[in-house]
Amino acid sequence: MSVVKPYRRICRQFADGTYGTRGRWEYMLHKKYAKSPEHYIRAFLLIQKDLLTLFDYIEPADKNSKTYSYRIHELLLRTCVEVEANCKAILIENGYRKKSDNMCMNDYKKIEISHKLSSYKIKLPIWNGKKNVRDPFSEWKSKGTLQWYDIYNQTKHDRHSKFKLATFDNLIDAICGLISLISSQFWRCDFPPTEWILSLGGINDGMESAIGEYFRVKFPTDWDVSERYEFDWNQLKNDTDPFQNSNY
């Protein structure tokens, strides 16, 4: 049996394999789906903007993977702070009983079960080399650790001796991780102040445009039938609370 009531901050496939076509994404606009989603989107868009500026000086290419600089380090820190902010928001808004100040990666890993982050793939549209497609949470499939997040912690606590670890490669992985998190909550909806129109078509690469319209994202297709959504939002939306909490 499929899931007949959506979870807060959790975007999933529907029973027919789609995510948000035919207006099915509209449940994400409800005020009880997520608190202040536009602020999380805006923070990501600023990071993406700064990354594209960085591309003016560092060519997105395999050969530059080990490049490091203060600008890269700064952007890595900001990105991972947003990763943490999104993880905390998901857990807290689903009733997770732990203070946000006490949360760590062991808590964030619980989101893998509800969001299938390890199944997300993110593509950079312009890249010279073979590393243009990233799966930043792939280690979670085997309950491993995330290298880019570990590097963030090392360089945050000991910037002087660990500085060279804050590489261009780790930054790209971290940003792709943030895109995966944003996509796993809000699909392609960026919560604009005016009416949002979904554009269809475009590049035929088996992926979709991510929020921000630069990166490409491949959403998980390995949801079990029992985990997929199957509800009529027009019937649910007038309920006092049309959402349920994920049990973490």
C-alpha atoms as a PDB file:
ATOM      1  CA  MET A   1       0.000   0.000   0.000  1.00  0.00           C
ATOM      2  CA  SER A   2       1.326   3.450  -0.923  1.00  0.00           C
ATOM      3  CA  VAL A   3       1.601   6.498   1.362  1.00  0.00           C
ATOM      4  CA  VAL A   4      -1.758   8.301   1.378  1.00  0.00           C
ATOM      5  CA  LYS A   5      -0.642  11.434   3.254  1.00  0.00           C
ATOM      6  CA  PRO A   6       2.569  13.344   2.462  1.00  0.00           C
ATOM      7  CA  TYR A   7       5.371  13.843   4.967  1.00  0.00           C
ATOM      8  CA  ARG A   8       6.717  17.251   5.901  1.00  0.00           C
ATOM      9  CA  ARG A   9       9.707  18.340   3.827  1.00  0.00           C
ATOM     10  CA  ILE A  10       9.819  15.024   1.976  1.00  0.00           C
ATOM     11  CA  CYS A  11       9.445  14.874  -1.801  1.00  0.00           C
ATOM     12  CA  ARG A  12       8.838  11.384  -3.178  1.00  0.00           C
ATOM     13  CA  GLN A  13       7.793   9.542  -6.279  1.00  0.00           C
ATOM     14  CA  PHE A  14       4.123   8.876  -6.745  1.00  0.00           C
ATOM     15  CA  ALA A  15       2.861   5.370  -7.391  1.00  0.00           C
ATOM     16  CA  ASP A  16       2.991   5.923 -11.160  1.00  0.00           C
ATOM     17  CA  GLY A  17       6.687   6.859 -11.019  1.00  0.00           C
ATOM     18  CA  THR A  18       6.303  10.629 -11.462  1.00  0.00           C
ATOM     19  CA  TYR A  19       7.257  13.339  -8.986  1.00  0.00           C
ATOM     20  CA  GLY A  20       5.405  16.548  -9.691  1.00  0.00           C
ATOM     21  CA  THR A  21       3.723  16.461 -13.067  1.00  0.00           C
ATOM     22  CA  ARG A  22       0.059  17.377 -13.527  1.00  0.00           C
ATOM     23  CA  GLY A  23       0.156  19.712 -10.544  1.00  0.00           C
ATOM     24  CA  ARG A  24       1.075  17.013  -8.050  1.00  0.00           C
ATOM     25  CA  TRP A  25       3.824  19.216  -6.614  1.00  0.00           C
ATOM     26  CA  GLU A  26       1.310  21.714  -5.218  1.00  0.00           C
ATOM     27  CA  TYR A  27       1.298  20.095  -1.775  1.00  0.00           C
ATOM     28  CA  MET A  28       4.734  21.658  -1.264  1.00  0.00           C
ATOM     29  CA  LEU A  29       3.187  25.140  -1.312  1.00  0.00           C
ATOM     30  CA  HIS A  30       1.045  24.499   1.763  1.00  0.00           C
ATOM     31  CA  LYS A  31       2.203  26.488   4.799  1.00  0.00           C
ATOM     32  CA  LYS A  32       2.408  23.351   6.945  1.00  0.00           C
ATOM     33  CA  TYR A  33       4.654  21.474   4.536  1.00  0.00           C
ATOM     34  CA  ALA A  34       7.768  23.476   5.441  1.00  0.00           C
ATOM     35  CA  LYS A  35       8.613  26.543   7.496  1.00  0.00           C
ATOM     36  CA  SER A  36      10.083  29.417   5.472  1.00  0.00           C
ATOM     37  CA  PRO A  37      11.197  27.270   2.522  1.00  0.00           C
ATOM     38  CA  GLU A  38      12.009  30.358   0.458  1.00  0.00           C
ATOM     39  CA  HIS A  39      14.831  31.267   2.858  1.00  0.00           C
ATOM     40  CA  TYR A  40      16.542  27.905   2.364  1.00  0.00           C
ATOM     41  CA  ILE A  41      16.150  28.269  -1.398  1.00  0.00           C
ATOM     42  CA  ARG A  42      17.536  31.808  -1.336  1.00  0.00           C
ATOM     43  CA  ALA A  43      20.590  30.735   0.653  1.00  0.00           C
ATOM     44  CA  PHE A  44      21.304  28.037  -1.933  1.00  0.00           C
ATOM     45  CA  LEU A  45      20.832  30.426  -4.858  1.00  0.00           C
ATOM     46  CA  LEU A  46      23.399  32.810  -3.359  1.00  0.00           C
ATOM     47  CA  ILE A  47      25.868  29.935  -3.052  1.00  0.00           C
ATOM     48  CA  GLN A  48      25.214  28.925  -6.653  1.00  0.00           C
ATOM     49  CA  LYS A  49      25.734  32.524  -7.768  1.00  0.00           C
ATOM     50  CA  ASP A  50      29.092  32.674  -5.993  1.00  0.00           C
ATOM     51  CA  LEU A  51      30.113  29.323  -7.479  1.00  0.00           C
ATOM     52  CA  LEU A  52      29.407  30.563 -10.994  1.00  0.00           C
ATOM     53  CA  THR A  53      31.565  33.602 -10.245  1.00  0.00           C
ATOM     54  CA  LEU A  54      34.313  31.252  -9.068  1.00  0.00           C
ATOM     55  CA  PHE A  55      34.067  29.486 -12.427  1.00  0.00           C
ATOM     56  CA  ASP A  56      35.287  32.731 -14.032  1.00  0.00           C
ATOM     57  CA  TYR A  57      38.653  32.078 -12.379  1.00  0.00           C
ATOM     58  CA  ILE A  58      38.768  28.296 -11.964  1.00  0.00           C
ATOM     59  CA  GLU A  59      37.678  26.302 -14.988  1.00  0.00           C
ATOM     60  CA  PRO A  60      35.252  23.494 -14.052  1.00  0.00           C
ATOM     61  CA  ALA A  61      37.483  20.594 -15.028  1.00  0.00           C
ATOM     62  CA  ASP A  62      39.004  17.404 -13.670  1.00  0.00           C
ATOM     63  CA  LYS A  63      42.466  18.985 -13.840  1.00  0.00           C
ATOM     64  CA  ASN A  64      41.486  21.619 -11.290  1.00  0.00           C
ATOM     65  CA  SER A  65      40.063  19.174  -8.746  1.00  0.00           C
ATOM     66  CA  LYS A  66      42.926  19.688  -6.281  1.00  0.00           C
ATOM     67  CA  THR A  67      42.937  23.482  -6.521  1.00  0.00           C
ATOM     68  CA  TYR A  68      42.464  25.199  -3.171  1.00  0.00           C
ATOM     69  CA  SER A  69      42.065  28.802  -2.077  1.00  0.00           C
ATOM     70  CA  TYR A  70      40.483  30.989   0.568  1.00  0.00           C
ATOM     71  CA  ARG A  71      37.490  31.582  -1.694  1.00  0.00           C
ATOM     72  CA  ILE A  72      36.962  27.848  -2.115  1.00  0.00           C
ATOM     73  CA  HIS A  73      37.308  27.327   1.625  1.00  0.00           C
ATOM     74  CA  GLU A  74      34.829  30.104   2.379  1.00  0.00           C
ATOM     75  CA  LEU A  75      32.265  28.667  -0.023  1.00  0.00           C
ATOM     76  CA  LEU A  76      32.772  25.142   1.335  1.00  0.00           C
ATOM     77  CA  LEU A  77      32.019  26.364   4.869  1.00  0.00           C
ATOM     78  CA  ARG A  78      28.898  28.242   3.799  1.00  0.00           C
ATOM     79  CA  THR A  79      27.630  25.286   1.803  1.00  0.00           C
ATOM     80  CA  CYS A  80      28.042  22.798   4.632  1.00  0.00           C
ATOM     81  CA  VAL A  81      26.378  25.186   7.073  1.00  0.00           C
ATOM     82  CA  GLU A  82      23.370  25.139   4.730  1.00  0.00           C
ATOM     83  CA  VAL A  83      23.523  21.340   4.527  1.00  0.00           C
ATOM     84  CA  GLU A  84      23.307  21.240   8.315  1.00  0.00           C
ATOM     85  CA  ALA A  85      20.503  23.814   8.369  1.00  0.00           C
ATOM     86  CA  ASN A  86      18.408  21.769   5.938  1.00  0.00           C
ATOM     87  CA  CYS A  87      19.026  18.521   7.807  1.00  0.00           C
ATOM     88  CA  LYS A  88      18.015  20.127  11.089  1.00  0.00           C
ATOM     89  CA  ALA A  89      14.875  21.625   9.557  1.00  0.00           C
ATOM     90  CA  ILE A  90      13.805  18.230   8.201  1.00  0.00           C
ATOM     91  CA  LEU A  91      14.315  16.511  11.540  1.00  0.00           C
ATOM     92  CA  ILE A  92      12.825  19.232  13.743  1.00  0.00           C
ATOM     93  CA  GLU A  93       9.727  19.803  11.626  1.00  0.00           C
ATOM     94  CA  ASN A  94       9.066  16.065  11.666  1.00  0.00           C
ATOM     95  CA  GLY A  95       9.071  16.031  15.461  1.00  0.00           C
ATOM     96  CA  TYR A  96      12.603  14.757  16.084  1.00  0.00           C
ATOM     97  CA  ARG A  97      13.211  14.962  19.816  1.00  0.00           C
ATOM     98  CA  LYS A  98      16.669  16.395  20.097  1.00  0.00           C
ATOM     99  CA  LYS A  99      17.835  19.983  20.393  1.00  0.00           C
ATOM    100  CA  SER A 100      19.305  21.320  17.177  1.00  0.00           C
ATOM    101  CA  ASP A 101      22.490  22.421  18.966  1.00  0.00           C
ATOM    102  CA  ASN A 102      23.156  18.800  19.917  1.00  0.00           C
ATOM    103  CA  MET A 103      22.628  17.306  16.463  1.00  0.00           C
ATOM    104  CA  CYS A 104      25.494  15.822  14.491  1.00  0.00           C
ATOM    105  CA  MET A 105      26.087  13.637  11.441  1.00  0.00           C
ATOM    106  CA  ASN A 106      24.729  10.576  13.238  1.00  0.00           C
ATOM    107  CA  ASP A 107      21.395  12.398  13.410  1.00  0.00           C
ATOM    108  CA  TYR A 108      21.545  13.691   9.842  1.00  0.00           C
ATOM    109  CA  LYS A 109      22.135  10.169   8.510  1.00  0.00           C
ATOM    110  CA  LYS A 110      18.611   9.225   9.558  1.00  0.00           C
ATOM    111  CA  ILE A 111      17.355  11.338   6.659  1.00  0.00           C
ATOM    112  CA  GLU A 112      18.754   8.787   4.207  1.00  0.00           C
ATOM    113  CA  ILE A 113      15.859   6.441   4.978  1.00  0.00           C
ATOM    114  CA  SER A 114      13.170   9.068   4.403  1.00  0.00           C
ATOM    115  CA  HIS A 115      14.744  10.918   1.455  1.00  0.00           C
ATOM    116  CA  LYS A 116      16.985   8.367  -0.331  1.00  0.00           C
ATOM    117  CA  LEU A 117      19.733  10.962  -0.670  1.00  0.00           C
ATOM    118  CA  SER A 118      22.235   8.317  -1.761  1.00  0.00           C
ATOM    119  CA  SER A 119      20.197   7.769  -4.930  1.00  0.00           C
ATOM    120  CA  TYR A 120      20.399  11.387  -6.114  1.00  0.00           C
ATOM    121  CA  LYS A 121      22.729  12.265  -8.970  1.00  0.00           C
ATOM    122  CA  ILE A 122      23.703  15.841  -9.798  1.00  0.00           C
ATOM    123  CA  LYS A 123      25.196  16.937 -13.108  1.00  0.00           C
ATOM    124  CA  LEU A 124      27.240  20.018 -13.918  1.00  0.00           C
ATOM    125  CA  PRO A 125      26.226  21.127 -17.423  1.00  0.00           C
ATOM    126  CA  ILE A 126      29.675  22.506 -18.258  1.00  0.00           C
ATOM    127  CA  TRP A 127      32.666  20.426 -17.207  1.00  0.00           C
ATOM    128  CA  ASN A 128      35.896  19.379 -18.884  1.00  0.00           C
ATOM    129  CA  GLY A 129      36.545  15.770 -17.932  1.00  0.00           C
ATOM    130  CA  LYS A 130      34.717  12.799 -16.481  1.00  0.00           C
ATOM    131  CA  LYS A 131      33.601  14.157 -13.093  1.00  0.00           C
ATOM    132  CA  ASN A 132      30.587  16.139 -14.253  1.00  0.00           C
ATOM    133  CA  VAL A 133      28.070  13.799 -12.569  1.00  0.00           C
ATOM    134  CA  ARG A 134      28.226  13.525  -8.785  1.00  0.00           C
ATOM    135  CA  ASP A 135      26.414  11.355  -6.251  1.00  0.00           C
ATOM    136  CA  PRO A 136      27.445  13.179  -3.067  1.00  0.00           C
ATOM    137  CA  PHE A 137      25.620  10.916  -0.614  1.00  0.00           C
ATOM    138  CA  SER A 138      26.575   7.584  -2.197  1.00  0.00           C
ATOM    139  CA  GLU A 139      28.608   6.590   0.884  1.00  0.00           C
ATOM    140  CA  TRP A 140      25.413   6.482   2.910  1.00  0.00           C
ATOM    141  CA  LYS A 141      24.266   3.406   0.995  1.00  0.00           C
ATOM    142  CA  SER A 142      26.965   1.472   2.835  1.00  0.00           C
ATOM    143  CA  LYS A 143      26.603   3.582   5.999  1.00  0.00           C
ATOM    144  CA  GLY A 144      29.930   5.243   5.302  1.00  0.00           C
ATOM    145  CA  THR A 145      31.018   8.820   5.917  1.00  0.00           C
ATOM    146  CA  LEU A 146      30.902  11.768   3.530  1.00  0.00           C
ATOM    147  CA  GLN A 147      34.413  12.874   2.596  1.00  0.00           C
ATOM    148  CA  TRP A 148      33.392  16.410   1.682  1.00  0.00           C
ATOM    149  CA  TYR A 149      31.618  16.873   5.011  1.00  0.00           C
ATOM    150  CA  ASP A 150      34.554  15.438   6.962  1.00  0.00           C
ATOM    151  CA  ILE A 151      36.867  17.856   5.147  1.00  0.00           C
ATOM    152  CA  TYR A 152      34.562  20.719   6.074  1.00  0.00           C
ATOM    153  CA  ASN A 153      34.836  19.793   9.754  1.00  0.00           C
ATOM    154  CA  GLN A 154      38.592  19.383   9.605  1.00  0.00           C
ATOM    155  CA  THR A 155      39.179  22.719   7.905  1.00  0.00           C
ATOM    156  CA  LYS A 156      36.689  24.462  10.177  1.00  0.00           C
ATOM    157  CA  HIS A 157      38.440  23.348  13.357  1.00  0.00           C
ATOM    158  CA  ASP A 158      42.033  23.488  12.083  1.00  0.00           C
ATOM    159  CA  ARG A 159      42.091  25.751   9.069  1.00  0.00           C
ATOM    160  CA  HIS A 160      45.841  26.381   9.121  1.00  0.00           C
ATOM    161  CA  SER A 161      47.079  22.792   8.884  1.00  0.00           C
ATOM    162  CA  LYS A 162      44.093  21.361   6.969  1.00  0.00           C
ATOM    163  CA  PHE A 163      43.658  24.230   4.530  1.00  0.00           C
ATOM    164  CA  LYS A 164      44.867  22.293   1.468  1.00  0.00           C
ATOM    165  CA  LEU A 165      42.063  19.760   1.943  1.00  0.00           C
ATOM    166  CA  ALA A 166      39.458  22.391   1.073  1.00  0.00           C
ATOM    167  CA  THR A 167      39.741  21.632  -2.624  1.00  0.00           C
ATOM    168  CA  PHE A 168      37.651  22.547  -5.623  1.00  0.00           C
ATOM    169  CA  ASP A 169      36.613  18.893  -5.869  1.00  0.00           C
ATOM    170  CA  ASN A 170      35.307  18.776  -2.301  1.00  0.00           C
ATOM    171  CA  LEU A 171      33.485  22.060  -2.821  1.00  0.00           C
ATOM    172  CA  ILE A 172      31.682  20.717  -5.898  1.00  0.00           C
ATOM    173  CA  ASP A 173      30.664  17.589  -3.990  1.00  0.00           C
ATOM    174  CA  ALA A 174      29.374  19.689  -1.094  1.00  0.00           C
ATOM    175  CA  ILE A 175      27.304  21.928  -3.357  1.00  0.00           C
ATOM    176  CA  CYS A 176      25.904  18.882  -5.130  1.00  0.00           C
ATOM    177  CA  GLY A 177      25.045  17.544  -1.684  1.00  0.00           C
ATOM    178  CA  LEU A 178      23.131  20.724  -0.901  1.00  0.00           C
ATOM    179  CA  ILE A 179      21.304  20.495  -4.237  1.00  0.00           C
ATOM    180  CA  SER A 180      20.328  16.913  -3.418  1.00  0.00           C
ATOM    181  CA  LEU A 181      18.923  18.013  -0.066  1.00  0.00           C
ATOM    182  CA  ILE A 182      17.015  20.947  -1.546  1.00  0.00           C
ATOM    183  CA  SER A 183      15.630  18.775  -4.353  1.00  0.00           C
ATOM    184  CA  SER A 184      14.610  16.012  -1.950  1.00  0.00           C
ATOM    185  CA  GLN A 185      12.402  18.497  -0.116  1.00  0.00           C
ATOM    186  CA  PHE A 186      11.119  20.863  -2.782  1.00  0.00           C
ATOM    187  CA  TRP A 187      11.506  19.018  -6.097  1.00  0.00           C
ATOM    188  CA  ARG A 188      11.901  21.862  -8.618  1.00  0.00           C
ATOM    189  CA  CYS A 189       9.750  24.453  -6.837  1.00  0.00           C
ATOM    190  CA  ASP A 190      11.721  27.569  -5.885  1.00  0.00           C
ATOM    191  CA  PHE A 191       8.831  29.399  -4.148  1.00  0.00           C
ATOM    192  CA  PRO A 192       8.893  32.582  -6.242  1.00  0.00           C
ATOM    193  CA  PRO A 193       6.886  35.636  -5.110  1.00  0.00           C
ATOM    194  CA  THR A 194       4.793  35.391  -8.281  1.00  0.00           C
ATOM    195  CA  GLU A 195       2.973  32.505  -9.933  1.00  0.00           C
ATOM    196  CA  TRP A 196       5.302  29.624 -10.792  1.00  0.00           C
ATOM    197  CA  ILE A 197       5.120  28.053 -14.232  1.00  0.00           C
ATOM    198  CA  LEU A 198       6.719  24.643 -14.728  1.00  0.00           C
ATOM    199  CA  SER A 199       8.726  24.400 -17.932  1.00  0.00           C
ATOM    200  CA  LEU A 200       8.936  21.040 -19.645  1.00  0.00           C
ATOM    201  CA  GLY A 201      11.254  19.709 -22.308  1.00  0.00           C
ATOM    202  CA  GLY A 202      14.862  20.734 -22.864  1.00  0.00           C
ATOM    203  CA  ILE A 203      17.977  18.566 -22.638  1.00  0.00           C
ATOM    204  CA  ASN A 204      17.342  14.864 -23.140  1.00  0.00           C
ATOM    205  CA  ASP A 205      19.778  13.400 -20.605  1.00  0.00           C
ATOM    206  CA  GLY A 206      17.396  11.582 -18.275  1.00  0.00           C
ATOM    207  CA  MET A 207      17.672  14.409 -15.760  1.00  0.00           C
ATOM    208  CA  GLU A 208      15.725  17.539 -14.865  1.00  0.00           C
ATOM    209  CA  SER A 209      16.696  21.131 -14.177  1.00  0.00           C
ATOM    210  CA  ALA A 210      17.382  21.657 -10.500  1.00  0.00           C
ATOM    211  CA  ILE A 211      16.174  24.677  -8.571  1.00  0.00           C
ATOM    212  CA  GLY A 212      18.264  27.591  -9.827  1.00  0.00           C
ATOM    213  CA  GLU A 213      18.140  26.316 -13.429  1.00  0.00           C
ATOM    214  CA  TYR A 214      21.870  25.580 -13.697  1.00  0.00           C
ATOM    215  CA  PHE A 215      22.536  22.100 -12.342  1.00  0.00           C
ATOM    216  CA  ARG A 216      20.750  18.967 -13.522  1.00  0.00           C
ATOM    217  CA  VAL A 217      19.283  16.452 -11.087  1.00  0.00           C
ATOM    218  CA  LYS A 218      18.263  12.825 -11.387  1.00  0.00           C
ATOM    219  CA  PHE A 219      15.650  11.982  -8.787  1.00  0.00           C
ATOM    220  CA  PRO A 220      15.550   8.523  -7.174  1.00  0.00           C
ATOM    221  CA  THR A 221      13.575   5.895  -9.048  1.00  0.00           C
ATOM    222  CA  ASP A 222      14.161   3.100  -6.548  1.00  0.00           C
ATOM    223  CA  TRP A 223      11.354   3.893  -4.119  1.00  0.00           C
ATOM    224  CA  ASP A 224       9.487   0.769  -3.093  1.00  0.00           C
ATOM    225  CA  VAL A 225       5.805   0.828  -4.034  1.00  0.00           C
ATOM    226  CA  SER A 226       4.896   0.927  -0.331  1.00  0.00           C
ATOM    227  CA  GLU A 227       7.026   4.083   0.119  1.00  0.00           C
ATOM    228  CA  ARG A 228       5.584   6.060  -2.779  1.00  0.00           C
ATOM    229  CA  TYR A 229       2.930   8.740  -2.506  1.00  0.00           C
ATOM    230  CA  GLU A 230      -0.599   8.117  -3.697  1.00  0.00           C
ATOM    231  CA  PHE A 231      -3.041  10.823  -2.636  1.00  0.00           C
ATOM    232  CA  ASP A 232      -5.445  13.356  -4.090  1.00  0.00           C
ATOM    233  CA  TRP A 233      -4.198  16.750  -2.949  1.00  0.00           C
ATOM    234  CA  ASN A 234      -7.495  18.423  -3.821  1.00  0.00           C
ATOM    235  CA  GLN A 235      -9.126  16.260  -1.168  1.00  0.00           C
ATOM    236  CA  LEU A 236      -6.348  16.552   1.413  1.00  0.00           C
ATOM    237  CA  LYS A 237      -5.530  20.258   1.215  1.00  0.00           C
ATOM    238  CA  ASN A 238      -8.525  21.402   3.261  1.00  0.00           C
ATOM    239  CA  ASP A 239      -7.699  19.145   6.214  1.00  0.00           C
ATOM    240  CA  THR A 240      -6.582  20.860   9.414  1.00  0.00           C
ATOM    241  CA  ASP A 241      -3.184  19.261   8.910  1.00  0.00           C
ATOM    242  CA  PRO A 242      -2.787  17.445   5.588  1.00  0.00           C
ATOM    243  CA  PHE A 243       0.706  16.195   6.477  1.00  0.00           C
ATOM    244  CA  GLN A 244       2.223  13.562   8.708  1.00  0.00           C
ATOM    245  CA  ASN A 245       5.560  13.309  10.482  1.00  0.00           C
ATOM    246  CA  SER A 246       8.250  10.893   9.424  1.00  0.00           C
ATOM    247  CA  ASN A 247       9.196   8.675  12.338  1.00  0.00           C
ATOM    248  CA  TYR A 248      12.910   9.194  12.947  1.00  0.00           C
END
